[in-house]
């Protein structure tokens, strides 16, 4: 029984901590899916490269939050932590002109 409890605790505390997944290039389209999310202050958005690389995340007016490095392969992922409440517009630099833009609402 002690082993089961220890295993459960280890799995619980080792689980990734992010509020929401956002797919980049979802289903072969130049979009973020979903393109609008709401999280609480201190939580992160987990970005996953789905298809049609390269993709990155540039946060308007907040270069400290962006992830300028390009995700080149499907499955590449990274987290962006939003510590301050507000609305954040972000985009994929290579595909902004194609409309690959999203919004994070932080409560």
N, C-alpha and C. Protein backbone atom coordinates (compact mmCIF):
# COMPACT_ATOMS: atom_id res chain seq x y z
N UNK A 1 0.82 -1.20 0.00
CA UNK A 1 0.00 0.00 0.00
C UNK A 1 0.87 1.26 0.00
N UNK A 2 1.93 1.22 0.79
CA UNK A 2 2.83 2.37 0.85
C UNK A 2 3.43 2.66 -0.53
N UNK A 3 3.74 1.60 -1.29
CA UNK A 3 4.29 1.76 -2.63
C UNK A 3 3.30 2.47 -3.55
N UNK A 4 2.04 2.10 -3.48
CA UNK A 4 1.01 2.71 -4.33
C UNK A 4 0.85 4.19 -4.01
N UNK A 5 0.84 4.53 -2.74
CA UNK A 5 0.73 5.93 -2.34
C UNK A 5 1.95 6.72 -2.82
N UNK A 6 3.14 6.15 -2.66
CA UNK A 6 4.36 6.82 -3.12
C UNK A 6 4.33 7.01 -4.63
N UNK A 7 3.89 6.00 -5.36
CA UNK A 7 3.80 6.10 -6.82
C UNK A 7 2.81 7.18 -7.22
N UNK A 8 1.66 7.21 -6.57
CA UNK A 8 0.65 8.23 -6.88
C UNK A 8 1.19 9.63 -6.63
N UNK A 9 1.84 9.84 -5.50
CA UNK A 9 2.41 11.15 -5.16
C UNK A 9 3.47 11.53 -6.18
N UNK A 10 4.33 10.60 -6.57
CA UNK A 10 5.38 10.90 -7.55
C UNK A 10 4.77 11.29 -8.90
N UNK A 11 3.76 10.57 -9.33
CA UNK A 11 3.11 10.90 -10.60
C UNK A 11 2.41 12.25 -10.54
N UNK A 12 1.76 12.52 -9.42
CA UNK A 12 1.04 13.78 -9.28
C UNK A 12 1.99 14.97 -9.32
N UNK A 13 3.09 14.88 -8.60
CA UNK A 13 4.01 16.01 -8.52
C UNK A 13 4.94 16.12 -9.72
N UNK A 14 5.06 15.07 -10.52
CA UNK A 14 5.92 15.15 -11.70
C UNK A 14 5.13 15.52 -12.95
N UNK A 15 3.83 15.65 -12.84
CA UNK A 15 3.00 16.02 -13.99
C UNK A 15 3.35 17.43 -14.45
N UNK A 16 3.32 17.67 -15.76
CA UNK A 16 3.61 19.02 -16.26
C UNK A 16 2.61 20.03 -15.69
N UNK A 17 3.10 21.26 -15.49
CA UNK A 17 2.25 22.30 -14.92
C UNK A 17 2.06 23.40 -15.95
N UNK A 18 0.95 23.34 -16.63
CA UNK A 18 0.57 24.42 -17.53
C UNK A 18 -0.94 24.46 -17.59
N UNK A 19 -1.46 25.58 -17.99
CA UNK A 19 -2.90 25.77 -17.96
C UNK A 19 -3.57 25.24 -19.22
N UNK A 20 -2.90 25.39 -20.36
CA UNK A 20 -3.56 25.06 -21.62
C UNK A 20 -2.52 24.74 -22.69
N UNK A 21 -2.88 23.84 -23.61
CA UNK A 21 -2.07 23.55 -24.78
C UNK A 21 -2.54 24.40 -25.94
N UNK A 22 -1.60 24.91 -26.73
CA UNK A 22 -1.92 25.61 -27.97
C UNK A 22 -1.10 24.95 -29.07
N UNK A 23 -1.79 24.44 -30.07
CA UNK A 23 -1.13 23.81 -31.22
C UNK A 23 -0.72 24.88 -32.22
N UNK A 24 0.51 24.81 -32.70
CA UNK A 24 0.99 25.73 -33.73
C UNK A 24 0.96 24.98 -35.06
N UNK A 25 0.26 25.56 -36.05
CA UNK A 25 0.14 24.89 -37.35
C UNK A 25 -0.83 23.73 -37.30
N UNK A 26 -1.87 23.87 -36.50
CA UNK A 26 -2.85 22.81 -36.29
C UNK A 26 -3.47 22.34 -37.60
N UNK A 27 -3.47 21.03 -37.80
CA UNK A 27 -4.06 20.38 -38.98
C UNK A 27 -3.52 20.93 -40.30
N UNK A 28 -2.27 21.37 -40.29
CA UNK A 28 -1.64 21.86 -41.50
C UNK A 28 -2.04 23.27 -41.89
N UNK A 29 -2.70 23.99 -40.99
CA UNK A 29 -3.10 25.38 -41.25
C UNK A 29 -2.18 26.33 -40.49
N UNK A 30 -2.03 27.53 -41.01
CA UNK A 30 -1.18 28.53 -40.36
C UNK A 30 -2.00 29.25 -39.30
N UNK A 31 -2.27 28.53 -38.20
CA UNK A 31 -3.09 29.03 -37.10
C UNK A 31 -2.53 28.53 -35.77
N UNK A 32 -2.93 29.22 -34.71
CA UNK A 32 -2.79 28.71 -33.35
C UNK A 32 -4.15 28.13 -33.00
N UNK A 33 -4.16 26.95 -32.40
CA UNK A 33 -5.43 26.31 -32.05
C UNK A 33 -5.40 25.87 -30.61
N UNK A 34 -6.20 26.45 -29.72
CA UNK A 34 -7.09 27.59 -29.97
C UNK A 34 -6.29 28.88 -30.08
N UNK A 35 -6.87 29.87 -30.72
CA UNK A 35 -6.15 31.13 -30.90
C UNK A 35 -6.46 32.15 -29.80
N UNK A 36 -7.34 31.79 -28.89
CA UNK A 36 -7.66 32.65 -27.75
C UNK A 36 -7.84 31.77 -26.53
N UNK A 37 -7.08 32.07 -25.47
CA UNK A 37 -7.15 31.28 -24.24
C UNK A 37 -7.21 32.20 -23.04
N UNK A 38 -7.73 31.67 -21.94
CA UNK A 38 -7.77 32.40 -20.67
C UNK A 38 -7.10 31.54 -19.61
N UNK A 39 -6.16 32.17 -18.89
CA UNK A 39 -5.45 31.47 -17.82
C UNK A 39 -5.40 32.38 -16.59
N UNK A 40 -4.93 31.83 -15.49
CA UNK A 40 -4.73 32.61 -14.28
C UNK A 40 -3.29 33.10 -14.22
N UNK A 41 -3.07 34.20 -13.53
CA UNK A 41 -1.74 34.76 -13.36
C UNK A 41 -0.80 33.71 -12.78
N UNK A 42 0.39 33.59 -13.35
CA UNK A 42 1.36 32.62 -12.89
C UNK A 42 1.32 31.30 -13.64
N UNK A 43 0.28 31.07 -14.43
CA UNK A 43 0.19 29.85 -15.21
C UNK A 43 0.90 30.03 -16.55
N UNK A 44 1.11 28.92 -17.23
CA UNK A 44 1.80 28.99 -18.52
C UNK A 44 0.93 28.42 -19.63
N UNK A 45 1.28 28.83 -20.83
CA UNK A 45 0.67 28.27 -22.04
C UNK A 45 1.72 27.35 -22.65
N UNK A 46 1.30 26.14 -22.97
CA UNK A 46 2.18 25.12 -23.52
C UNK A 46 1.97 25.10 -25.03
N UNK A 47 2.96 25.58 -25.78
CA UNK A 47 2.89 25.64 -27.24
C UNK A 47 3.52 24.37 -27.82
N UNK A 48 2.82 23.74 -28.76
CA UNK A 48 3.29 22.51 -29.38
C UNK A 48 3.27 22.70 -30.90
N UNK A 49 4.42 22.45 -31.53
CA UNK A 49 4.50 22.53 -32.99
C UNK A 49 3.79 21.33 -33.58
N UNK A 50 2.74 21.58 -34.34
CA UNK A 50 1.95 20.50 -34.91
C UNK A 50 2.41 20.19 -36.32
N UNK A 51 2.29 21.15 -37.23
CA UNK A 51 2.65 20.93 -38.63
C UNK A 51 3.09 22.25 -39.25
N UNK A 52 3.58 22.15 -40.47
CA UNK A 52 4.00 23.30 -41.26
C UNK A 52 4.98 24.20 -40.52
N UNK A 53 6.09 23.65 -40.03
CA UNK A 53 7.08 24.50 -39.37
C UNK A 53 7.76 25.42 -40.37
N UNK A 54 8.48 26.41 -39.94
CA UNK A 54 8.85 26.72 -38.56
C UNK A 54 7.84 27.65 -37.91
N UNK A 55 7.75 27.56 -36.58
CA UNK A 55 6.86 28.43 -35.81
C UNK A 55 7.59 28.93 -34.57
N UNK A 56 7.16 30.10 -34.12
CA UNK A 56 7.64 30.65 -32.86
C UNK A 56 6.53 31.49 -32.25
N UNK A 57 6.81 32.14 -31.13
CA UNK A 57 5.82 33.00 -30.47
C UNK A 57 6.49 34.32 -30.11
N UNK A 58 5.94 35.39 -30.63
CA UNK A 58 6.39 36.73 -30.31
C UNK A 58 5.22 37.42 -29.59
N UNK A 59 5.45 37.91 -28.37
CA UNK A 59 4.41 38.55 -27.59
C UNK A 59 4.56 40.07 -27.75
N UNK A 60 3.50 40.71 -28.23
CA UNK A 60 3.53 42.15 -28.51
C UNK A 60 3.94 42.95 -27.27
N UNK A 61 4.99 43.75 -27.42
CA UNK A 61 5.44 44.63 -26.34
C UNK A 61 6.12 43.92 -25.19
N UNK A 62 6.29 42.61 -25.26
CA UNK A 62 6.91 41.85 -24.16
C UNK A 62 7.92 40.84 -24.70
N UNK A 63 9.06 41.32 -25.19
CA UNK A 63 10.06 40.39 -25.71
C UNK A 63 10.55 39.38 -24.66
N UNK A 64 10.40 39.72 -23.38
CA UNK A 64 10.81 38.80 -22.33
C UNK A 64 9.91 37.57 -22.25
N UNK A 65 8.69 37.65 -22.79
CA UNK A 65 7.77 36.53 -22.75
C UNK A 65 7.83 35.66 -24.00
N UNK A 66 8.31 36.22 -25.07
CA UNK A 66 8.29 35.49 -26.34
C UNK A 66 9.28 34.33 -26.39
N UNK A 67 9.11 33.53 -27.41
CA UNK A 67 10.01 32.41 -27.69
C UNK A 67 10.42 32.57 -29.15
N UNK A 68 11.50 33.34 -29.36
CA UNK A 68 11.91 33.70 -30.72
C UNK A 68 12.52 32.53 -31.49
N UNK A 69 13.08 31.57 -30.80
CA UNK A 69 13.66 30.42 -31.49
C UNK A 69 12.58 29.67 -32.25
N UNK A 70 12.92 29.28 -33.46
CA UNK A 70 11.94 28.58 -34.29
C UNK A 70 11.86 27.11 -33.94
N UNK A 71 10.63 26.63 -33.78
CA UNK A 71 10.38 25.20 -33.61
C UNK A 71 10.32 24.60 -35.02
N UNK A 72 11.29 23.78 -35.35
CA UNK A 72 11.42 23.30 -36.71
C UNK A 72 10.75 21.94 -36.95
N UNK A 73 10.60 21.14 -35.92
CA UNK A 73 10.09 19.79 -36.10
C UNK A 73 8.72 19.62 -35.44
N UNK A 74 7.84 18.83 -36.04
CA UNK A 74 6.58 18.51 -35.37
C UNK A 74 6.87 17.88 -34.01
N UNK A 75 6.11 18.30 -33.02
CA UNK A 75 6.29 17.79 -31.67
C UNK A 75 7.17 18.65 -30.78
N UNK A 76 7.94 19.57 -31.36
CA UNK A 76 8.73 20.48 -30.52
C UNK A 76 7.77 21.30 -29.69
N UNK A 77 8.16 21.61 -28.45
CA UNK A 77 7.26 22.30 -27.54
C UNK A 77 8.03 23.22 -26.62
N UNK A 78 7.30 24.19 -26.08
CA UNK A 78 7.87 25.11 -25.09
C UNK A 78 6.72 25.75 -24.33
N UNK A 79 7.04 26.28 -23.15
CA UNK A 79 6.05 26.93 -22.30
C UNK A 79 6.37 28.41 -22.19
N UNK A 80 5.31 29.22 -22.09
CA UNK A 80 5.45 30.64 -21.83
C UNK A 80 4.64 30.95 -20.58
N UNK A 81 5.31 31.47 -19.54
CA UNK A 81 4.66 31.77 -18.26
C UNK A 81 4.23 33.23 -18.26
N UNK A 82 2.96 33.46 -17.91
CA UNK A 82 2.39 34.81 -17.83
C UNK A 82 2.14 35.13 -16.36
N UNK A 83 2.99 35.98 -15.78
CA UNK A 83 2.89 36.27 -14.35
C UNK A 83 2.00 37.47 -14.05
N UNK A 84 1.78 38.36 -15.02
CA UNK A 84 0.98 39.56 -14.79
C UNK A 84 -0.37 39.44 -15.49
N UNK A 85 -1.42 39.90 -14.82
CA UNK A 85 -2.74 39.86 -15.44
C UNK A 85 -2.78 40.87 -16.60
N UNK A 86 -3.67 40.60 -17.54
CA UNK A 86 -3.83 41.47 -18.71
C UNK A 86 -4.12 40.65 -19.95
N UNK A 87 -4.13 41.34 -21.08
CA UNK A 87 -4.34 40.68 -22.37
C UNK A 87 -3.06 40.77 -23.17
N UNK A 88 -2.67 39.66 -23.75
CA UNK A 88 -1.43 39.58 -24.50
C UNK A 88 -1.72 39.08 -25.91
N UNK A 89 -1.33 39.86 -26.90
CA UNK A 89 -1.44 39.44 -28.28
C UNK A 89 -0.09 38.84 -28.69
N UNK A 90 -0.13 37.71 -29.35
CA UNK A 90 1.09 37.06 -29.80
C UNK A 90 0.92 36.58 -31.23
N UNK A 91 2.04 36.30 -31.89
CA UNK A 91 1.99 35.81 -33.27
C UNK A 91 3.21 34.97 -33.56
N UNK A 92 3.13 34.27 -34.68
CA UNK A 92 4.26 33.53 -35.23
C UNK A 92 4.94 34.47 -36.22
N UNK A 93 6.21 34.80 -35.98
CA UNK A 93 6.90 35.77 -36.82
C UNK A 93 6.90 35.39 -38.30
N UNK A 94 7.20 34.13 -38.68
CA UNK A 94 7.19 33.81 -40.10
C UNK A 94 5.80 33.83 -40.74
N UNK A 95 4.74 33.72 -39.93
CA UNK A 95 3.40 33.58 -40.49
C UNK A 95 2.40 34.63 -40.02
N UNK A 96 2.90 35.72 -39.44
CA UNK A 96 1.99 36.77 -38.97
C UNK A 96 1.16 37.32 -40.13
N UNK A 97 1.79 37.53 -41.27
CA UNK A 97 1.08 38.05 -42.44
C UNK A 97 -0.02 37.13 -42.94
N UNK A 98 0.08 35.84 -42.60
CA UNK A 98 -0.94 34.87 -42.99
C UNK A 98 -2.05 34.79 -41.95
N UNK A 99 -1.91 35.58 -40.87
CA UNK A 99 -2.96 35.62 -39.83
C UNK A 99 -2.72 34.69 -38.66
N UNK A 100 -1.50 34.21 -38.48
CA UNK A 100 -1.21 33.31 -37.35
C UNK A 100 -0.97 34.16 -36.11
N UNK A 101 -2.08 34.56 -35.49
CA UNK A 101 -2.10 35.49 -34.36
C UNK A 101 -3.02 34.92 -33.27
N UNK A 102 -2.67 35.15 -32.02
CA UNK A 102 -3.51 34.67 -30.92
C UNK A 102 -3.54 35.66 -29.77
N UNK A 103 -4.37 35.35 -28.78
CA UNK A 103 -4.53 36.19 -27.60
C UNK A 103 -4.56 35.33 -26.35
N UNK A 104 -3.83 35.78 -25.32
CA UNK A 104 -3.89 35.15 -24.00
C UNK A 104 -4.50 36.18 -23.06
N UNK A 105 -5.58 35.79 -22.39
CA UNK A 105 -6.22 36.60 -21.34
C UNK A 105 -5.74 36.04 -20.01
N UNK A 106 -5.11 36.88 -19.20
CA UNK A 106 -4.58 36.43 -17.91
C UNK A 106 -5.36 37.11 -16.80
N UNK A 107 -6.01 36.31 -15.96
CA UNK A 107 -6.79 36.82 -14.82
C UNK A 107 -5.91 36.97 -13.61
